[in-house]
Amino acid sequence: MIDIPPENDAEVKNRDLAIAAASQAADACAELLRFAREGDGVMTGPFTTEVVEQLLDAAKMAMEVEGWQGSEERTQVYGALVKFLEGWA
Protein backbone atom coordinates (compact mmCIF):
# COMPACT_ATOMS: atom_id res chain seq x y z
CA MET A 1 0.00 0.00 0.00
CA ILE A 2 1.28 3.44 -0.90
CA ASP A 3 0.65 6.24 1.56
CA ILE A 4 0.36 9.57 -0.18
CA PRO A 5 0.41 12.53 2.19
CA PRO A 6 -2.58 14.87 2.05
CA GLU A 7 -2.09 18.06 0.10
CA ASN A 8 -4.11 20.37 2.35
CA ASP A 9 -6.35 20.59 5.41
CA ALA A 10 -9.50 19.83 3.40
CA GLU A 11 -8.00 16.54 2.21
CA VAL A 12 -7.01 15.66 5.79
CA LYS A 13 -10.63 16.25 6.87
CA ASN A 14 -11.97 14.18 3.96
CA ARG A 15 -9.63 11.30 4.73
CA ASP A 16 -10.68 11.36 8.38
CA LEU A 17 -14.34 11.32 7.30
CA ALA A 18 -13.64 8.42 4.94
CA ILE A 19 -12.08 6.42 7.78
CA ALA A 20 -15.03 7.16 10.06
CA ALA A 21 -17.55 6.26 7.32
CA ALA A 22 -15.74 3.00 6.56
CA SER A 23 -15.66 2.13 10.27
CA GLN A 24 -19.41 2.75 10.71
CA ALA A 25 -20.24 0.75 7.58
CA ALA A 26 -17.92 -2.10 8.58
CA ASP A 27 -19.45 -2.34 12.06
CA ALA A 28 -22.95 -2.41 10.57
CA CYS A 29 -21.97 -5.02 7.99
CA ALA A 30 -20.38 -7.18 10.68
CA GLU A 31 -23.59 -7.07 12.68
CA LEU A 32 -25.68 -7.94 9.61
CA LEU A 33 -23.39 -10.91 8.95
CA ARG A 34 -23.59 -11.98 12.60
CA PHE A 35 -27.36 -11.94 12.41
CA ALA A 36 -27.34 -13.89 9.12
CA ARG A 37 -25.17 -16.60 10.71
CA GLU A 38 -26.56 -16.73 14.25
CA GLY A 39 -30.05 -15.28 14.07
CA ASP A 40 -31.66 -13.18 16.76
CA GLY A 41 -29.38 -13.59 19.74
CA VAL A 42 -30.66 -10.70 21.83
CA MET A 43 -33.97 -10.00 23.50
CA THR A 44 -34.29 -6.41 22.25
CA GLY A 45 -34.38 -7.16 18.52
CA PRO A 46 -32.38 -8.75 15.74
CA PHE A 47 -29.30 -6.56 16.11
CA THR A 48 -26.97 -5.69 18.97
CA THR A 49 -26.21 -2.28 17.41
CA GLU A 50 -28.17 0.37 15.54
CA VAL A 51 -27.41 -1.00 12.07
CA VAL A 52 -29.63 1.37 10.10
CA GLU A 53 -28.28 4.44 11.85
CA GLN A 54 -24.69 3.29 11.34
CA LEU A 55 -25.24 2.75 7.61
CA LEU A 56 -27.01 6.09 7.23
CA ASP A 57 -24.23 7.85 9.13
CA ALA A 58 -21.67 6.22 6.83
CA ALA A 59 -23.67 7.38 3.80
CA LYS A 60 -23.84 10.94 5.19
CA MET A 61 -20.09 11.05 5.74
CA ALA A 62 -19.45 9.59 2.27
CA MET A 63 -21.63 12.34 0.81
CA GLU A 64 -19.61 14.93 2.71
CA VAL A 65 -16.37 13.53 1.26
CA GLU A 66 -17.79 13.27 -2.24
CA GLY A 67 -19.58 16.60 -2.10
CA TRP A 68 -23.32 16.31 -1.71
CA GLN A 69 -24.01 19.59 -3.49
CA GLY A 70 -24.84 19.38 -7.16
CA SER A 71 -28.40 18.24 -7.49
CA GLU A 72 -31.61 18.95 -5.70
CA GLU A 73 -32.14 15.26 -5.01
CA ARG A 74 -28.75 14.84 -3.33
CA THR A 75 -29.33 17.99 -1.30
CA GLN A 76 -32.68 16.61 -0.12
CA VAL A 77 -31.18 13.24 0.76
CA TYR A 78 -28.31 14.86 2.67
CA GLY A 79 -30.72 17.12 4.57
CA ALA A 80 -32.94 14.18 5.46
CA LEU A 81 -29.95 12.19 6.72
CA VAL A 82 -28.76 15.08 8.87
CA LYS A 83 -32.25 15.52 10.32
CA PHE A 84 -32.75 11.79 10.92
CA LEU A 85 -29.38 11.41 12.64
CA GLU A 86 -29.71 14.49 14.89
CA GLY A 87 -28.98 13.45 18.45
CA TRP A 88 -28.10 9.88 17.47
CA ALA A 89 -24.30 9.92 17.62
C-alpha atoms as a PDB file:
ATOM      1  CA  MET A   1       0.000   0.000   0.000  1.00  0.00           C
ATOM      2  CA  ILE A   2       1.277   3.437  -0.904  1.00  0.00           C
ATOM      3  CA  ASP A   3       0.651   6.236   1.565  1.00  0.00           C
ATOM      4  CA  ILE A   4       0.357   9.569  -0.182  1.00  0.00           C
ATOM      5  CA  PRO A   5       0.408  12.527   2.188  1.00  0.00           C
ATOM      6  CA  PRO A   6      -2.578  14.867   2.052  1.00  0.00           C
ATOM      7  CA  GLU A   7      -2.086  18.063   0.096  1.00  0.00           C
ATOM      8  CA  ASN A   8      -4.114  20.371   2.348  1.00  0.00           C
ATOM      9  CA  ASP A   9      -6.353  20.585   5.413  1.00  0.00           C
ATOM     10  CA  ALA A  10      -9.499  19.831   3.395  1.00  0.00           C
ATOM     11  CA  GLU A  11      -7.997  16.545   2.214  1.00  0.00           C
ATOM     12  CA  VAL A  12      -7.010  15.660   5.789  1.00  0.00           C
ATOM     13  CA  LYS A  13     -10.630  16.250   6.866  1.00  0.00           C
ATOM     14  CA  ASN A  14     -11.972  14.183   3.962  1.00  0.00           C
ATOM     15  CA  ARG A  15      -9.628  11.305   4.727  1.00  0.00           C
ATOM     16  CA  ASP A  16     -10.681  11.359   8.375  1.00  0.00           C
ATOM     17  CA  LEU A  17     -14.345  11.321   7.299  1.00  0.00           C
ATOM     18  CA  ALA A  18     -13.640   8.417   4.943  1.00  0.00           C
ATOM     19  CA  ILE A  19     -12.083   6.423   7.777  1.00  0.00           C
ATOM     20  CA  ALA A  20     -15.034   7.162  10.057  1.00  0.00           C
ATOM     21  CA  ALA A  21     -17.546   6.258   7.324  1.00  0.00           C
ATOM     22  CA  ALA A  22     -15.743   3.002   6.562  1.00  0.00           C
ATOM     23  CA  SER A  23     -15.662   2.130  10.265  1.00  0.00           C
ATOM     24  CA  GLN A  24     -19.406   2.746  10.707  1.00  0.00           C
ATOM     25  CA  ALA A  25     -20.237   0.752   7.584  1.00  0.00           C
ATOM     26  CA  ALA A  26     -17.917  -2.100   8.578  1.00  0.00           C
ATOM     27  CA  ASP A  27     -19.455  -2.339  12.062  1.00  0.00           C
ATOM     28  CA  ALA A  28     -22.951  -2.414  10.574  1.00  0.00           C
ATOM     29  CA  CYS A  29     -21.969  -5.023   7.989  1.00  0.00           C
ATOM     30  CA  ALA A  30     -20.378  -7.182  10.679  1.00  0.00           C
ATOM     31  CA  GLU A  31     -23.591  -7.065  12.684  1.00  0.00           C
ATOM     32  CA  LEU A  32     -25.678  -7.939   9.611  1.00  0.00           C
ATOM     33  CA  LEU A  33     -23.394 -10.909   8.945  1.00  0.00           C
ATOM     34  CA  ARG A  34     -23.587 -11.983  12.597  1.00  0.00           C
ATOM     35  CA  PHE A  35     -27.362 -11.942  12.409  1.00  0.00           C
ATOM     36  CA  ALA A  36     -27.335 -13.891   9.124  1.00  0.00           C
ATOM     37  CA  ARG A  37     -25.166 -16.596  10.713  1.00  0.00           C
ATOM     38  CA  GLU A  38     -26.557 -16.733  14.246  1.00  0.00           C
ATOM     39  CA  GLY A  39     -30.048 -15.276  14.069  1.00  0.00           C
ATOM     40  CA  ASP A  40     -31.656 -13.185  16.761  1.00  0.00           C
ATOM     41  CA  GLY A  41     -29.383 -13.594  19.740  1.00  0.00           C
ATOM     42  CA  VAL A  42     -30.659 -10.697  21.826  1.00  0.00           C
ATOM     43  CA  MET A  43     -33.971  -9.996  23.500  1.00  0.00           C
ATOM     44  CA  THR A  44     -34.292  -6.414  22.249  1.00  0.00           C
ATOM     45  CA  GLY A  45     -34.383  -7.156  18.521  1.00  0.00           C
ATOM     46  CA  PRO A  46     -32.380  -8.748  15.743  1.00  0.00           C
ATOM     47  CA  PHE A  47     -29.298  -6.559  16.106  1.00  0.00           C
ATOM     48  CA  THR A  48     -26.974  -5.686  18.965  1.00  0.00           C
ATOM     49  CA  THR A  49     -26.207  -2.277  17.413  1.00  0.00           C
ATOM     50  CA  GLU A  50     -28.172   0.371  15.537  1.00  0.00           C
ATOM     51  CA  VAL A  51     -27.415  -0.999  12.067  1.00  0.00           C
ATOM     52  CA  VAL A  52     -29.627   1.370  10.095  1.00  0.00           C
ATOM     53  CA  GLU A  53     -28.282   4.438  11.847  1.00  0.00           C
ATOM     54  CA  GLN A  54     -24.693   3.294  11.336  1.00  0.00           C
ATOM     55  CA  LEU A  55     -25.236   2.748   7.612  1.00  0.00           C
ATOM     56  CA  LEU A  56     -27.010   6.092   7.226  1.00  0.00           C
ATOM     57  CA  ASP A  57     -24.230   7.854   9.132  1.00  0.00           C
ATOM     58  CA  ALA A  58     -21.672   6.218   6.831  1.00  0.00           C
ATOM     59  CA  ALA A  59     -23.668   7.382   3.804  1.00  0.00           C
ATOM     60  CA  LYS A  60     -23.841  10.936   5.193  1.00  0.00           C
ATOM     61  CA  MET A  61     -20.088  11.050   5.739  1.00  0.00           C
ATOM     62  CA  ALA A  62     -19.450   9.595   2.275  1.00  0.00           C
ATOM     63  CA  MET A  63     -21.632  12.340   0.812  1.00  0.00           C
ATOM     64  CA  GLU A  64     -19.608  14.928   2.715  1.00  0.00           C
ATOM     65  CA  VAL A  65     -16.374  13.529   1.263  1.00  0.00           C
ATOM     66  CA  GLU A  66     -17.788  13.271  -2.244  1.00  0.00           C
ATOM     67  CA  GLY A  67     -19.580  16.599  -2.105  1.00  0.00           C
ATOM     68  CA  TRP A  68     -23.320  16.314  -1.713  1.00  0.00           C
ATOM     69  CA  GLN A  69     -24.005  19.585  -3.493  1.00  0.00           C
ATOM     70  CA  GLY A  70     -24.842  19.384  -7.161  1.00  0.00           C
ATOM     71  CA  SER A  71     -28.404  18.244  -7.493  1.00  0.00           C
ATOM     72  CA  GLU A  72     -31.614  18.952  -5.699  1.00  0.00           C
ATOM     73  CA  GLU A  73     -32.144  15.255  -5.007  1.00  0.00           C
ATOM     74  CA  ARG A  74     -28.746  14.837  -3.330  1.00  0.00           C
ATOM     75  CA  THR A  75     -29.326  17.992  -1.299  1.00  0.00           C
ATOM     76  CA  GLN A  76     -32.676  16.614  -0.116  1.00  0.00           C
ATOM     77  CA  VAL A  77     -31.181  13.236   0.763  1.00  0.00           C
ATOM     78  CA  TYR A  78     -28.315  14.857   2.674  1.00  0.00           C
ATOM     79  CA  GLY A  79     -30.715  17.122   4.570  1.00  0.00           C
ATOM     80  CA  ALA A  80     -32.941  14.177   5.456  1.00  0.00           C
ATOM     81  CA  LEU A  81     -29.949  12.187   6.719  1.00  0.00           C
ATOM     82  CA  VAL A  82     -28.758  15.082   8.874  1.00  0.00           C
ATOM     83  CA  LYS A  83     -32.250  15.522  10.325  1.00  0.00           C
ATOM     84  CA  PHE A  84     -32.750  11.794  10.923  1.00  0.00           C
ATOM     85  CA  LEU A  85     -29.378  11.409  12.637  1.00  0.00           C
ATOM     86  CA  GLU A  86     -29.711  14.485  14.886  1.00  0.00           C
ATOM     87  CA  GLY A  87     -28.977  13.453  18.449  1.00  0.00           C
ATOM     88  CA  TRP A  88     -28.102   9.878  17.469  1.00  0.00           C
ATOM     89  CA  ALA A  89     -24.301   9.917  17.621  1.00  0.00           C
END
